[in-house]
């Protein structure tokens, strides 16, 4: 595999550090200037519905003043801890994605999550994701083809790939992991094919030392996401797909805290007799007008 430089990122692995890093990444990559102008009537309708839902919950469950004050303090803590991207991506984004995917004809999408970093280096169609020289984990070969809805190959499509390591940590959001580790943009060949050598990621644990973790603990929920590969698949003249691929039999697959798993997005890697696993998965992109799509889903 390609080895990453030894200069480690300086982010803290705690919820506070990860939350602040995710917030900053959101601001710089897609949080500024990406929102479309929304008519006042639409704002009023949606906000009114949200508030009505909150009011109904308060009345139905007889929420007390101490509980209200605790909720107010928790909301303040989430903001001060920089955890809004983490909280919203874990507990809310899956519903937004379901709406966006309502008319989707291509490969199923799912949530982006808080740990996407743009502008990773481009890699050839047969490649290995950058890793540390002593990277732990079971080697995984992930191969497939990108096609259009008519079944034609899409040459030059980009697979923007990122994943956790075998401890469940992401580069850019944990210390001692080199920048760009297990991240890259793979470009398909003239037949739309790709073959990526990486490692099988570990399940990811939502940081629990901050306000999001305190909420999970108070509710008696578990904080785990099943192991997965993140991908944004894009090509000129096609709508991008933001998705995640999971692993058959993986822990937490049926109880993902983010509720983002879908049966169509589960891989079944097979042992190759040499210690490696291999899995194939093809992506189908819908046609769309415009330029090469970015990380924002355009269903």
C-alpha atoms as a PDB file:
ATOM      1  CA  UNK A   1       0.000   0.000   0.000  1.00  0.00           C
ATOM      2  CA  UNK A   2       0.990   3.632  -0.429  1.00  0.00           C
ATOM      3  CA  UNK A   3       2.375   4.927   2.851  1.00  0.00           C
ATOM      4  CA  UNK A   4       1.323   8.273   4.244  1.00  0.00           C
ATOM      5  CA  UNK A   5       3.789  10.853   5.554  1.00  0.00           C
ATOM      6  CA  UNK A   6       4.764  10.531   9.190  1.00  0.00           C
ATOM      7  CA  UNK A   7       3.501  13.984  10.195  1.00  0.00           C
ATOM      8  CA  UNK A   8       0.472  13.185  12.356  1.00  0.00           C
ATOM      9  CA  UNK A   9      -2.602  15.310  12.594  1.00  0.00           C
ATOM     10  CA  UNK A  10      -2.943  17.254  15.793  1.00  0.00           C
ATOM     11  CA  UNK A  11      -6.631  16.708  16.499  1.00  0.00           C
ATOM     12  CA  UNK A  12      -7.768  15.443  19.881  1.00  0.00           C
ATOM     13  CA  UNK A  13      -9.629  12.075  19.877  1.00  0.00           C
ATOM     14  CA  UNK A  14     -12.055  13.251  22.556  1.00  0.00           C
ATOM     15  CA  UNK A  15     -15.567  14.353  21.676  1.00  0.00           C
ATOM     16  CA  UNK A  16     -14.542  17.966  22.171  1.00  0.00           C
ATOM     17  CA  UNK A  17     -11.611  17.627  19.806  1.00  0.00           C
ATOM     18  CA  UNK A  18     -13.496  15.597  17.221  1.00  0.00           C
ATOM     19  CA  UNK A  19     -16.501  17.889  17.454  1.00  0.00           C
ATOM     20  CA  UNK A  20     -14.432  21.016  16.956  1.00  0.00           C
ATOM     21  CA  UNK A  21     -12.587  19.424  14.034  1.00  0.00           C
ATOM     22  CA  UNK A  22     -15.839  18.320  12.390  1.00  0.00           C
ATOM     23  CA  UNK A  23     -17.368  21.768  12.852  1.00  0.00           C
ATOM     24  CA  UNK A  24     -14.344  23.454  11.292  1.00  0.00           C
ATOM     25  CA  UNK A  25     -14.323  20.995   8.388  1.00  0.00           C
ATOM     26  CA  UNK A  26     -18.016  21.705   7.790  1.00  0.00           C
ATOM     27  CA  UNK A  27     -17.480  25.457   7.801  1.00  0.00           C
ATOM     28  CA  UNK A  28     -14.564  25.379   5.399  1.00  0.00           C
ATOM     29  CA  UNK A  29     -15.743  22.692   2.974  1.00  0.00           C
ATOM     30  CA  UNK A  30     -19.497  23.061   2.627  1.00  0.00           C
ATOM     31  CA  UNK A  31     -21.046  25.012   5.476  1.00  0.00           C
ATOM     32  CA  UNK A  32     -20.489  28.471   4.008  1.00  0.00           C
ATOM     33  CA  UNK A  33     -22.398  29.716   1.012  1.00  0.00           C
ATOM     34  CA  UNK A  34     -24.009  26.381   0.108  1.00  0.00           C
ATOM     35  CA  UNK A  35     -27.522  26.972   1.389  1.00  0.00           C
ATOM     36  CA  UNK A  36     -30.056  27.932  -1.256  1.00  0.00           C
ATOM     37  CA  UNK A  37     -32.315  30.900  -0.633  1.00  0.00           C
ATOM     38  CA  UNK A  38     -35.430  29.579   1.098  1.00  0.00           C
ATOM     39  CA  UNK A  39     -38.730  31.466   0.776  1.00  0.00           C
ATOM     40  CA  UNK A  40     -40.099  32.834   4.040  1.00  0.00           C
ATOM     41  CA  UNK A  41     -43.247  30.742   3.635  1.00  0.00           C
ATOM     42  CA  UNK A  42     -41.177  27.560   3.488  1.00  0.00           C
ATOM     43  CA  UNK A  43     -39.146  28.590   6.545  1.00  0.00           C
ATOM     44  CA  UNK A  44     -42.315  29.345   8.480  1.00  0.00           C
ATOM     45  CA  UNK A  45     -43.929  26.042   7.505  1.00  0.00           C
ATOM     46  CA  UNK A  46     -40.978  23.845   8.457  1.00  0.00           C
ATOM     47  CA  UNK A  47     -40.061  25.690  11.653  1.00  0.00           C
ATOM     48  CA  UNK A  48     -43.690  25.746  12.752  1.00  0.00           C
ATOM     49  CA  UNK A  49     -43.940  21.986  12.213  1.00  0.00           C
ATOM     50  CA  UNK A  50     -40.754  21.388  14.234  1.00  0.00           C
ATOM     51  CA  UNK A  51     -41.982  23.563  17.089  1.00  0.00           C
ATOM     52  CA  UNK A  52     -45.423  21.936  17.011  1.00  0.00           C
ATOM     53  CA  UNK A  53     -43.726  18.547  17.303  1.00  0.00           C
ATOM     54  CA  UNK A  54     -41.694  19.722  20.298  1.00  0.00           C
ATOM     55  CA  UNK A  55     -44.768  21.203  21.964  1.00  0.00           C
ATOM     56  CA  UNK A  56     -46.754  18.014  21.397  1.00  0.00           C
ATOM     57  CA  UNK A  57     -43.951  15.934  22.919  1.00  0.00           C
ATOM     58  CA  UNK A  58     -43.830  18.195  25.979  1.00  0.00           C
ATOM     59  CA  UNK A  59     -47.575  17.888  26.511  1.00  0.00           C
ATOM     60  CA  UNK A  60     -47.812  14.159  25.775  1.00  0.00           C
ATOM     61  CA  UNK A  61     -44.966  13.305  28.145  1.00  0.00           C
ATOM     62  CA  UNK A  62     -45.662  15.966  30.774  1.00  0.00           C
ATOM     63  CA  UNK A  63     -42.134  17.398  30.580  1.00  0.00           C
ATOM     64  CA  UNK A  64     -41.245  19.178  33.830  1.00  0.00           C
ATOM     65  CA  UNK A  65     -39.373  22.430  34.392  1.00  0.00           C
ATOM     66  CA  UNK A  66     -36.258  20.624  35.689  1.00  0.00           C
ATOM     67  CA  UNK A  67     -36.270  18.481  32.535  1.00  0.00           C
ATOM     68  CA  UNK A  68     -36.743  21.583  30.392  1.00  0.00           C
ATOM     69  CA  UNK A  69     -33.821  23.317  32.100  1.00  0.00           C
ATOM     70  CA  UNK A  70     -31.653  20.222  31.642  1.00  0.00           C
ATOM     71  CA  UNK A  71     -32.524  20.187  27.936  1.00  0.00           C
ATOM     72  CA  UNK A  72     -31.678  23.882  27.645  1.00  0.00           C
ATOM     73  CA  UNK A  73     -28.289  23.320  29.270  1.00  0.00           C
ATOM     74  CA  UNK A  74     -27.634  20.332  27.024  1.00  0.00           C
ATOM     75  CA  UNK A  75     -28.372  22.357  23.883  1.00  0.00           C
ATOM     76  CA  UNK A  76     -25.942  25.021  25.061  1.00  0.00           C
ATOM     77  CA  UNK A  77     -23.308  22.356  25.756  1.00  0.00           C
ATOM     78  CA  UNK A  78     -23.669  20.887  22.255  1.00  0.00           C
ATOM     79  CA  UNK A  79     -23.030  24.285  20.704  1.00  0.00           C
ATOM     80  CA  UNK A  80     -20.129  25.159  22.981  1.00  0.00           C
ATOM     81  CA  UNK A  81     -18.581  21.728  22.382  1.00  0.00           C
ATOM     82  CA  UNK A  82     -18.800  22.071  18.605  1.00  0.00           C
ATOM     83  CA  UNK A  83     -20.839  18.880  18.389  1.00  0.00           C
ATOM     84  CA  UNK A  84     -23.759  20.016  16.242  1.00  0.00           C
ATOM     85  CA  UNK A  85     -22.335  18.404  13.062  1.00  0.00           C
ATOM     86  CA  UNK A  86     -21.780  15.176  15.009  1.00  0.00           C
ATOM     87  CA  UNK A  87     -25.251  15.161  16.580  1.00  0.00           C
ATOM     88  CA  UNK A  88     -27.135  16.122  13.411  1.00  0.00           C
ATOM     89  CA  UNK A  89     -25.210  13.692  11.202  1.00  0.00           C
ATOM     90  CA  UNK A  90     -25.829  10.813  13.619  1.00  0.00           C
ATOM     91  CA  UNK A  91     -29.453  11.423  14.593  1.00  0.00           C
ATOM     92  CA  UNK A  92     -31.046  13.543  11.850  1.00  0.00           C
ATOM     93  CA  UNK A  93     -29.269  13.191   8.512  1.00  0.00           C
ATOM     94  CA  UNK A  94     -30.657   9.726   7.724  1.00  0.00           C
ATOM     95  CA  UNK A  95     -34.180  11.186   7.478  1.00  0.00           C
ATOM     96  CA  UNK A  96     -33.012  13.992   5.171  1.00  0.00           C
ATOM     97  CA  UNK A  97     -31.261  11.407   2.995  1.00  0.00           C
ATOM     98  CA  UNK A  98     -34.426   9.294   2.793  1.00  0.00           C
ATOM     99  CA  UNK A  99     -36.338  12.278   1.426  1.00  0.00           C
ATOM    100  CA  UNK A 100     -33.555  13.162  -1.015  1.00  0.00           C
ATOM    101  CA  UNK A 101     -33.400   9.575  -2.297  1.00  0.00           C
ATOM    102  CA  UNK A 102     -37.141   9.283  -2.887  1.00  0.00           C
ATOM    103  CA  UNK A 103     -36.839   9.386  -6.695  1.00  0.00           C
ATOM    104  CA  UNK A 104     -33.343   7.931  -6.972  1.00  0.00           C
ATOM    105  CA  UNK A 105     -32.834   5.383  -9.754  1.00  0.00           C
ATOM    106  CA  UNK A 106     -29.177   4.530  -9.255  1.00  0.00           C
ATOM    107  CA  UNK A 107     -27.253   2.994  -6.378  1.00  0.00           C
ATOM    108  CA  UNK A 108     -28.718   3.588  -2.941  1.00  0.00           C
ATOM    109  CA  UNK A 109     -27.250   6.439  -0.967  1.00  0.00           C
ATOM    110  CA  UNK A 110     -26.952   7.055   2.738  1.00  0.00           C
ATOM    111  CA  UNK A 111     -25.555   9.679   5.097  1.00  0.00           C
ATOM    112  CA  UNK A 112     -22.343  11.616   4.530  1.00  0.00           C
ATOM    113  CA  UNK A 113     -21.366  11.702   8.214  1.00  0.00           C
ATOM    114  CA  UNK A 114     -19.175  14.290   9.955  1.00  0.00           C
ATOM    115  CA  UNK A 115     -15.714  13.104   8.926  1.00  0.00           C
ATOM    116  CA  UNK A 116     -15.505  13.804   5.203  1.00  0.00           C
ATOM    117  CA  UNK A 117     -12.466  15.845   4.126  1.00  0.00           C
ATOM    118  CA  UNK A 118     -12.365  17.163   0.534  1.00  0.00           C
ATOM    119  CA  UNK A 119      -9.426  17.612  -1.813  1.00  0.00           C
ATOM    120  CA  UNK A 120      -7.762  14.241  -1.284  1.00  0.00           C
ATOM    121  CA  UNK A 121      -5.164  13.075  -3.840  1.00  0.00           C
ATOM    122  CA  UNK A 122      -6.340  11.338  -6.995  1.00  0.00           C
ATOM    123  CA  UNK A 123      -5.334   7.705  -7.405  1.00  0.00           C
ATOM    124  CA  UNK A 124      -5.345   5.359 -10.446  1.00  0.00           C
ATOM    125  CA  UNK A 125      -8.038   2.757 -11.044  1.00  0.00           C
ATOM    126  CA  UNK A 126      -5.932  -0.046  -9.554  1.00  0.00           C
ATOM    127  CA  UNK A 127      -4.502   1.372  -6.378  1.00  0.00           C
ATOM    128  CA  UNK A 128      -4.090   1.203  -2.623  1.00  0.00           C
ATOM    129  CA  UNK A 129      -5.334   3.786  -0.170  1.00  0.00           C
ATOM    130  CA  UNK A 130      -2.537   5.599   1.683  1.00  0.00           C
ATOM    131  CA  UNK A 131      -1.646   3.873   4.950  1.00  0.00           C
ATOM    132  CA  UNK A 132       0.961   3.987   7.672  1.00  0.00           C
ATOM    133  CA  UNK A 133       3.948   1.654   7.188  1.00  0.00           C
ATOM    134  CA  UNK A 134       2.743  -0.449  10.134  1.00  0.00           C
ATOM    135  CA  UNK A 135      -0.990  -0.196   9.419  1.00  0.00           C
ATOM    136  CA  UNK A 136      -2.910  -2.873  11.311  1.00  0.00           C
ATOM    137  CA  UNK A 137      -5.990  -4.591   9.963  1.00  0.00           C
ATOM    138  CA  UNK A 138      -7.131  -7.346   7.633  1.00  0.00           C
ATOM    139  CA  UNK A 139      -6.204  -6.518   4.019  1.00  0.00           C
ATOM    140  CA  UNK A 140      -9.288  -5.911   1.873  1.00  0.00           C
ATOM    141  CA  UNK A 141      -9.487  -5.685  -1.915  1.00  0.00           C
ATOM    142  CA  UNK A 142     -12.571  -3.765  -3.005  1.00  0.00           C
ATOM    143  CA  UNK A 143     -13.315  -3.859  -6.735  1.00  0.00           C
ATOM    144  CA  UNK A 144     -16.146  -3.107  -9.112  1.00  0.00           C
ATOM    145  CA  UNK A 145     -17.450  -0.989 -11.950  1.00  0.00           C
ATOM    146  CA  UNK A 146     -19.264   2.329 -12.313  1.00  0.00           C
ATOM    147  CA  UNK A 147     -22.076   2.225 -14.896  1.00  0.00           C
ATOM    148  CA  UNK A 148     -24.908   4.456 -16.027  1.00  0.00           C
ATOM    149  CA  UNK A 149     -28.581   3.494 -15.818  1.00  0.00           C
ATOM    150  CA  UNK A 150     -28.395   1.999 -19.326  1.00  0.00           C
ATOM    151  CA  UNK A 151     -25.610  -0.345 -18.240  1.00  0.00           C
ATOM    152  CA  UNK A 152     -22.790   1.484 -20.016  1.00  0.00           C
ATOM    153  CA  UNK A 153     -19.451   1.839 -18.223  1.00  0.00           C
ATOM    154  CA  UNK A 154     -18.544   5.304 -16.953  1.00  0.00           C
ATOM    155  CA  UNK A 155     -14.833   5.890 -17.585  1.00  0.00           C
ATOM    156  CA  UNK A 156     -13.100   8.533 -15.500  1.00  0.00           C
ATOM    157  CA  UNK A 157     -15.638   8.378 -12.689  1.00  0.00           C
ATOM    158  CA  UNK A 158     -14.297   9.371  -9.288  1.00  0.00           C
ATOM    159  CA  UNK A 159     -14.719   7.352  -6.100  1.00  0.00           C
ATOM    160  CA  UNK A 160     -13.939   9.624  -3.165  1.00  0.00           C
ATOM    161  CA  UNK A 161     -13.188   7.050  -0.458  1.00  0.00           C
ATOM    162  CA  UNK A 162     -12.555   7.421   3.255  1.00  0.00           C
ATOM    163  CA  UNK A 163     -12.773   5.068   6.210  1.00  0.00           C
ATOM    164  CA  UNK A 164     -11.809   4.431   9.814  1.00  0.00           C
ATOM    165  CA  UNK A 165      -8.752   2.388  10.713  1.00  0.00           C
ATOM    166  CA  UNK A 166      -8.852  -0.933  12.576  1.00  0.00           C
ATOM    167  CA  UNK A 167      -9.453   0.930  15.862  1.00  0.00           C
ATOM    168  CA  UNK A 168     -12.385   2.952  14.514  1.00  0.00           C
ATOM    169  CA  UNK A 169     -10.526   6.273  14.161  1.00  0.00           C
ATOM    170  CA  UNK A 170     -10.449   8.630  11.167  1.00  0.00           C
ATOM    171  CA  UNK A 171      -7.444  10.567   9.929  1.00  0.00           C
ATOM    172  CA  UNK A 172      -7.960  14.280  10.409  1.00  0.00           C
ATOM    173  CA  UNK A 173      -9.909  13.704  13.618  1.00  0.00           C
ATOM    174  CA  UNK A 174      -7.565  11.725  15.864  1.00  0.00           C
ATOM    175  CA  UNK A 175      -3.950  12.158  16.959  1.00  0.00           C
ATOM    176  CA  UNK A 176      -1.091  10.033  15.666  1.00  0.00           C
ATOM    177  CA  UNK A 177      -2.840   9.292  12.375  1.00  0.00           C
ATOM    178  CA  UNK A 178      -1.135  10.894   9.364  1.00  0.00           C
ATOM    179  CA  UNK A 179      -3.148  13.343   7.312  1.00  0.00           C
ATOM    180  CA  UNK A 180      -4.827  11.564   4.401  1.00  0.00           C
ATOM    181  CA  UNK A 181      -4.518   8.101   5.916  1.00  0.00           C
ATOM    182  CA  UNK A 182      -7.090   5.736   4.375  1.00  0.00           C
ATOM    183  CA  UNK A 183      -8.437   8.502   2.129  1.00  0.00           C
ATOM    184  CA  UNK A 184      -8.212   9.064  -1.608  1.00  0.00           C
ATOM    185  CA  UNK A 185     -10.057   9.752  -4.865  1.00  0.00           C
ATOM    186  CA  UNK A 186      -9.876   6.725  -7.163  1.00  0.00           C
ATOM    187  CA  UNK A 187     -10.454   7.347 -10.896  1.00  0.00           C
ATOM    188  CA  UNK A 188     -11.988   4.504 -12.910  1.00  0.00           C
ATOM    189  CA  UNK A 189     -10.357   3.161 -16.078  1.00  0.00           C
ATOM    190  CA  UNK A 190     -11.793   3.273 -19.608  1.00  0.00           C
ATOM    191  CA  UNK A 191     -14.171   0.435 -18.697  1.00  0.00           C
ATOM    192  CA  UNK A 192     -15.376   2.180 -15.558  1.00  0.00           C
ATOM    193  CA  UNK A 193     -13.582  -0.346 -13.381  1.00  0.00           C
ATOM    194  CA  UNK A 194     -11.621   0.080 -10.170  1.00  0.00           C
ATOM    195  CA  UNK A 195      -9.724  -2.088  -7.679  1.00  0.00           C
ATOM    196  CA  UNK A 196      -8.781  -0.651  -4.296  1.00  0.00           C
ATOM    197  CA  UNK A 197      -6.553  -2.317  -1.726  1.00  0.00           C
ATOM    198  CA  UNK A 198      -7.215  -1.160   1.818  1.00  0.00           C
ATOM    199  CA  UNK A 199      -7.975  -2.711   5.211  1.00  0.00           C
ATOM    200  CA  UNK A 200     -11.281  -3.762   6.704  1.00  0.00           C
ATOM    201  CA  UNK A 201     -12.321  -0.922   9.017  1.00  0.00           C
ATOM    202  CA  UNK A 202     -13.466  -1.411  12.585  1.00  0.00           C
ATOM    203  CA  UNK A 203     -16.868  -0.369  13.923  1.00  0.00           C
ATOM    204  CA  UNK A 204     -16.958   3.292  14.828  1.00  0.00           C
ATOM    205  CA  UNK A 205     -17.890   4.477  18.318  1.00  0.00           C
ATOM    206  CA  UNK A 206     -19.577   7.868  18.583  1.00  0.00           C
ATOM    207  CA  UNK A 207     -17.436   9.984  20.972  1.00  0.00           C
ATOM    208  CA  UNK A 208     -19.102   9.671  24.374  1.00  0.00           C
ATOM    209  CA  UNK A 209     -17.222  12.152  26.557  1.00  0.00           C
ATOM    210  CA  UNK A 210     -19.193  15.157  25.263  1.00  0.00           C
ATOM    211  CA  UNK A 211     -22.870  16.198  25.316  1.00  0.00           C
ATOM    212  CA  UNK A 212     -23.858  13.839  22.488  1.00  0.00           C
ATOM    213  CA  UNK A 213     -22.370  10.949  24.433  1.00  0.00           C
ATOM    214  CA  UNK A 214     -24.102  12.047  27.623  1.00  0.00           C
ATOM    215  CA  UNK A 215     -27.439  11.994  25.808  1.00  0.00           C
ATOM    216  CA  UNK A 216     -26.761   8.493  24.467  1.00  0.00           C
ATOM    217  CA  UNK A 217     -25.834   7.271  27.938  1.00  0.00           C
ATOM    218  CA  UNK A 218     -28.816   8.958  29.606  1.00  0.00           C
ATOM    219  CA  UNK A 219     -31.170   7.295  27.108  1.00  0.00           C
ATOM    220  CA  UNK A 220     -29.578   3.874  27.590  1.00  0.00           C
ATOM    221  CA  UNK A 221     -28.602   3.609  23.933  1.00  0.00           C
ATOM    222  CA  UNK A 222     -25.358   2.185  22.564  1.00  0.00           C
ATOM    223  CA  UNK A 223     -22.962   4.557  20.729  1.00  0.00           C
ATOM    224  CA  UNK A 224     -21.817   2.276  17.924  1.00  0.00           C
ATOM    225  CA  UNK A 225     -21.903   2.372  14.133  1.00  0.00           C
ATOM    226  CA  UNK A 226     -21.100  -0.797  12.178  1.00  0.00           C
ATOM    227  CA  UNK A 227     -17.862  -0.955  10.205  1.00  0.00           C
ATOM    228  CA  UNK A 228     -18.218   0.756   6.845  1.00  0.00           C
ATOM    229  CA  UNK A 229     -16.525   2.317   3.845  1.00  0.00           C
ATOM    230  CA  UNK A 230     -17.564   5.853   2.892  1.00  0.00           C
ATOM    231  CA  UNK A 231     -17.835   6.797  -0.788  1.00  0.00           C
ATOM    232  CA  UNK A 232     -18.907   9.698  -2.928  1.00  0.00           C
ATOM    233  CA  UNK A 233     -19.180   8.461  -6.516  1.00  0.00           C
ATOM    234  CA  UNK A 234     -19.335  11.206  -9.147  1.00  0.00           C
ATOM    235  CA  UNK A 235     -18.811  11.732 -12.861  1.00  0.00           C
ATOM    236  CA  UNK A 236     -19.401  14.514 -15.350  1.00  0.00           C
ATOM    237  CA  UNK A 237     -22.963  14.406 -16.644  1.00  0.00           C
ATOM    238  CA  UNK A 238     -24.203  12.253 -13.758  1.00  0.00           C
ATOM    239  CA  UNK A 239     -25.683  12.817 -10.328  1.00  0.00           C
ATOM    240  CA  UNK A 240     -23.340  12.011  -7.495  1.00  0.00           C
ATOM    241  CA  UNK A 241     -24.021   9.301  -4.938  1.00  0.00           C
ATOM    242  CA  UNK A 242     -23.002   9.657  -1.307  1.00  0.00           C
ATOM    243  CA  UNK A 243     -23.103   6.242   0.312  1.00  0.00           C
ATOM    244  CA  UNK A 244     -21.596   3.785   2.774  1.00  0.00           C
ATOM    245  CA  UNK A 245     -20.893   0.086   2.353  1.00  0.00           C
ATOM    246  CA  UNK A 246     -21.183  -2.252   5.336  1.00  0.00           C
ATOM    247  CA  UNK A 247     -20.065  -5.834   5.971  1.00  0.00           C
ATOM    248  CA  UNK A 248     -22.209  -8.962   6.205  1.00  0.00           C
ATOM    249  CA  UNK A 249     -22.333 -10.289   9.760  1.00  0.00           C
ATOM    250  CA  UNK A 250     -20.725  -7.153  11.129  1.00  0.00           C
ATOM    251  CA  UNK A 251     -21.348  -6.102  14.700  1.00  0.00           C
ATOM    252  CA  UNK A 252     -24.018  -3.392  15.113  1.00  0.00           C
ATOM    253  CA  UNK A 253     -25.244  -3.874  11.528  1.00  0.00           C
ATOM    254  CA  UNK A 254     -28.822  -4.322  12.743  1.00  0.00           C
ATOM    255  CA  UNK A 255     -28.705  -1.608  15.417  1.00  0.00           C
ATOM    256  CA  UNK A 256     -26.735   1.265  13.898  1.00  0.00           C
ATOM    257  CA  UNK A 257     -27.007   4.277  16.208  1.00  0.00           C
ATOM    258  CA  UNK A 258     -27.259   6.498  13.103  1.00  0.00           C
ATOM    259  CA  UNK A 259     -29.982   4.317  11.488  1.00  0.00           C
ATOM    260  CA  UNK A 260     -28.128   4.592   8.175  1.00  0.00           C
ATOM    261  CA  UNK A 261     -27.721   0.961   7.071  1.00  0.00           C
ATOM    262  CA  UNK A 262     -29.606  -0.460   4.086  1.00  0.00           C
ATOM    263  CA  UNK A 263     -29.652  -4.095   2.922  1.00  0.00           C
ATOM    264  CA  UNK A 264     -28.584  -3.043  -0.585  1.00  0.00           C
ATOM    265  CA  UNK A 265     -25.362  -1.594   0.846  1.00  0.00           C
ATOM    266  CA  UNK A 266     -23.952  -4.698   2.552  1.00  0.00           C
ATOM    267  CA  UNK A 267     -20.793  -6.352   1.234  1.00  0.00           C
ATOM    268  CA  UNK A 268     -19.963 -10.037   1.708  1.00  0.00           C
ATOM    269  CA  UNK A 269     -16.145 -10.225   1.498  1.00  0.00           C
ATOM    270  CA  UNK A 270     -14.640 -13.602   0.711  1.00  0.00           C
ATOM    271  CA  UNK A 271     -11.312 -14.920   1.964  1.00  0.00           C
ATOM    272  CA  UNK A 272      -8.646 -15.328  -0.725  1.00  0.00           C
ATOM    273  CA  UNK A 273      -6.505 -17.938   1.017  1.00  0.00           C
ATOM    274  CA  UNK A 274      -3.644 -15.503   1.541  1.00  0.00           C
ATOM    275  CA  UNK A 275      -5.032 -13.558   4.481  1.00  0.00           C
ATOM    276  CA  UNK A 276      -6.820 -11.032   2.277  1.00  0.00           C
ATOM    277  CA  UNK A 277     -10.526 -10.443   1.834  1.00  0.00           C
ATOM    278  CA  UNK A 278     -12.090  -9.465  -1.481  1.00  0.00           C
ATOM    279  CA  UNK A 279     -15.459  -7.954  -2.284  1.00  0.00           C
ATOM    280  CA  UNK A 280     -16.989  -6.536  -5.455  1.00  0.00           C
ATOM    281  CA  UNK A 281     -19.666  -3.887  -5.762  1.00  0.00           C
ATOM    282  CA  UNK A 282     -20.903  -1.979  -8.804  1.00  0.00           C
ATOM    283  CA  UNK A 283     -22.270   1.554  -8.729  1.00  0.00           C
ATOM    284  CA  UNK A 284     -24.992   2.938 -11.001  1.00  0.00           C
ATOM    285  CA  UNK A 285     -25.140   6.694 -11.623  1.00  0.00           C
ATOM    286  CA  UNK A 286     -28.168   8.565 -12.900  1.00  0.00           C
ATOM    287  CA  UNK A 287     -27.816  11.118 -15.695  1.00  0.00           C
ATOM    288  CA  UNK A 288     -27.820  14.768 -14.717  1.00  0.00           C
ATOM    289  CA  UNK A 289     -26.982  18.065 -16.290  1.00  0.00           C
ATOM    290  CA  UNK A 290     -24.046  20.068 -15.016  1.00  0.00           C
ATOM    291  CA  UNK A 291     -20.488  19.691 -13.950  1.00  0.00           C
ATOM    292  CA  UNK A 292     -18.644  17.078 -11.910  1.00  0.00           C
ATOM    293  CA  UNK A 293     -20.719  16.738  -8.749  1.00  0.00           C
ATOM    294  CA  UNK A 294     -19.322  17.453  -5.286  1.00  0.00           C
ATOM    295  CA  UNK A 295     -20.067  15.998  -1.857  1.00  0.00           C
ATOM    296  CA  UNK A 296     -23.553  17.452  -1.662  1.00  0.00           C
ATOM    297  CA  UNK A 297     -26.084  14.814  -2.679  1.00  0.00           C
ATOM    298  CA  UNK A 298     -28.036  15.723  -5.806  1.00  0.00           C
ATOM    299  CA  UNK A 299     -30.829  13.170  -5.985  1.00  0.00           C
END
